C-alpha atoms as a PDB file:
ATOM      1  CA  MET A   1       9.063  16.054 -20.244  1.00  0.00           C
ATOM      2  CA  ILE A   2       9.900  16.186 -16.833  1.00  0.00           C
ATOM      3  CA  ASN A   3      11.121  12.745 -15.010  1.00  0.00           C
ATOM      4  CA  LEU A   4       8.932  12.464 -11.560  1.00  0.00           C
ATOM      5  CA  PRO A   5      10.207   9.978  -8.796  1.00  0.00           C
ATOM      6  CA  LYS A   6       8.562   6.979  -8.101  1.00  0.00           C
ATOM      7  CA  LEU A   7       7.561   6.530  -4.602  1.00  0.00           C
ATOM      8  CA  ALA A   8       7.086   3.013  -2.956  1.00  0.00           C
ATOM      9  CA  ILE A   9       5.977   3.569   0.352  1.00  0.00           C
ATOM     10  CA  ILE A  10       5.924  -0.037   2.356  1.00  0.00           C
ATOM     11  CA  VAL A  11       4.344  -0.894   5.444  1.00  0.00           C
ATOM     12  CA  PRO A  12       4.785  -3.521   7.584  1.00  0.00           C
ATOM     13  CA  CYS A  13       1.920  -5.289   9.150  1.00  0.00           C
ATOM     14  CA  PHE A  14       1.429  -7.831  11.497  1.00  0.00           C
ATOM     15  CA  ASN A  15      -2.114  -8.618  13.217  1.00  0.00           C
ATOM     16  CA  GLU A  16      -2.825  -5.375  11.182  1.00  0.00           C
ATOM     17  CA  GLU A  17      -6.729  -6.485  10.433  1.00  0.00           C
ATOM     18  CA  ALA A  18      -8.636  -3.788  12.927  1.00  0.00           C
ATOM     19  CA  VAL A  19      -6.534  -0.378  11.234  1.00  0.00           C
ATOM     20  CA  LEU A  20      -5.260  -1.788   7.388  1.00  0.00           C
ATOM     21  CA  PRO A  21      -8.576  -0.708   5.431  1.00  0.00           C
ATOM     22  CA  GLU A  22      -8.536   2.595   6.898  1.00  0.00           C
ATOM     23  CA  THR A  23      -4.552   3.090   6.519  1.00  0.00           C
ATOM     24  CA  GLN A  24      -4.737   2.137   3.117  1.00  0.00           C
ATOM     25  CA  VAL A  25      -7.279   5.008   1.914  1.00  0.00           C
ATOM     26  CA  ARG A  26      -5.507   7.359   4.074  1.00  0.00           C
ATOM     27  CA  LEU A  27      -1.579   6.620   2.297  1.00  0.00           C
ATOM     28  CA  LEU A  28      -3.934   5.949  -1.328  1.00  0.00           C
ATOM     29  CA  GLN A  29      -4.724   9.598  -0.441  1.00  0.00           C
ATOM     30  CA  VAL A  30      -1.567  11.060   0.257  1.00  0.00           C
ATOM     31  CA  LEU A  31      -0.420   9.486  -2.947  1.00  0.00           C
ATOM     32  CA  ASP A  32      -2.895  11.187  -5.049  1.00  0.00           C
ATOM     33  CA  ARG A  33      -2.200  14.483  -3.175  1.00  0.00           C
ATOM     34  CA  LEU A  34       1.534  14.059  -4.032  1.00  0.00           C
ATOM     35  CA  THR A  35       0.807  13.062  -8.149  1.00  0.00           C
ATOM     36  CA  ALA A  36      -1.884  15.521  -8.506  1.00  0.00           C
ATOM     37  CA  SER A  37       0.681  18.333  -7.038  1.00  0.00           C
ATOM     38  CA  ARG A  38       3.561  16.493  -9.533  1.00  0.00           C
ATOM     39  CA  LYS A  39       5.962  15.750  -6.780  1.00  0.00           C
ATOM     40  CA  ILE A  40       5.655  11.792  -7.670  1.00  0.00           C
ATOM     41  CA  ASP A  41       5.134   9.700 -10.696  1.00  0.00           C
ATOM     42  CA  SER A  42       1.555   7.960 -11.053  1.00  0.00           C
ATOM     43  CA  ASP A  43       3.299   4.765 -10.795  1.00  0.00           C
ATOM     44  CA  SER A  44       4.230   4.947  -7.293  1.00  0.00           C
ATOM     45  CA  HIS A  45       2.441   2.652  -4.950  1.00  0.00           C
ATOM     46  CA  LEU A  46       1.819   1.065  -1.421  1.00  0.00           C
ATOM     47  CA  VAL A  47       3.370  -2.210  -0.707  1.00  0.00           C
ATOM     48  CA  PHE A  48       1.927  -4.092   3.042  1.00  0.00           C
ATOM     49  CA  VAL A  49       4.502  -6.599   4.257  1.00  0.00           C
ATOM     50  CA  ASP A  50       2.448  -9.248   6.001  1.00  0.00           C
ATOM     51  CA  ASP A  51       5.070 -10.528   8.616  1.00  0.00           C
ATOM     52  CA  GLY A  52       3.285 -13.518  10.182  1.00  0.00           C
ATOM     53  CA  SER A  53      -0.170 -12.429  10.862  1.00  0.00           C
ATOM     54  CA  ARG A  54      -2.522 -14.673  12.846  1.00  0.00           C
ATOM     55  CA  ASP A  55      -5.809 -12.428  12.293  1.00  0.00           C
ATOM     56  CA  SER A  56      -6.882 -12.012   7.970  1.00  0.00           C
ATOM     57  CA  THR A  57      -4.597  -9.007   7.373  1.00  0.00           C
ATOM     58  CA  TRP A  58      -2.984 -10.716   4.846  1.00  0.00           C
ATOM     59  CA  SER A  59      -6.588 -11.377   3.270  1.00  0.00           C
ATOM     60  CA  LEU A  60      -7.268  -8.150   3.609  1.00  0.00           C
ATOM     61  CA  ILE A  61      -4.324  -7.381   1.599  1.00  0.00           C
ATOM     62  CA  GLU A  62      -5.309  -9.942  -1.262  1.00  0.00           C
ATOM     63  CA  ASP A  63      -8.519  -8.400  -1.475  1.00  0.00           C
ATOM     64  CA  ALA A  64      -6.970  -4.493  -1.894  1.00  0.00           C
ATOM     65  CA  ALA A  65      -4.236  -5.337  -4.582  1.00  0.00           C
ATOM     66  CA  ARG A  66      -7.424  -6.877  -6.439  1.00  0.00           C
ATOM     67  CA  CYS A  67      -9.044  -4.115  -6.279  1.00  0.00           C
ATOM     68  CA  GLU A  68      -6.236  -1.854  -6.578  1.00  0.00           C
ATOM     69  CA  SER A  69      -4.085  -1.512  -8.643  1.00  0.00           C
ATOM     70  CA  ARG A  70      -1.354   1.054  -6.151  1.00  0.00           C
ATOM     71  CA  VAL A  71      -1.710  -1.683  -3.624  1.00  0.00           C
ATOM     72  CA  GLN A  72       0.839  -4.320  -3.607  1.00  0.00           C
ATOM     73  CA  GLY A  73       1.465  -6.989  -1.544  1.00  0.00           C
ATOM     74  CA  LEU A  74       3.862  -9.721   0.258  1.00  0.00           C
ATOM     75  CA  LYS A  75       3.749 -12.496   2.715  1.00  0.00           C
ATOM     76  CA  LEU A  76       6.757 -13.389   4.548  1.00  0.00           C
ATOM     77  CA  SER A  77       6.899 -16.749   5.471  1.00  0.00           C
ATOM     78  CA  ARG A  78       8.858 -16.282   8.717  1.00  0.00           C
END
């Protein structure tokens, strides 16, 4: 059995509510293609990092993480 590398795509976010849903869709498609072509492990994931957004970015990240196991969120306090 070949050990494939795990990929974590880190996405900094600041007031991204207008584009975050589309960004998530496109990046998950990239993960799907890389997984299907056996270039990365299926445990690869996205990490959206909220850098103090004042819009609903964090809520969107939380919702995405609840609905999609390959999405994680991190909220910076400063």
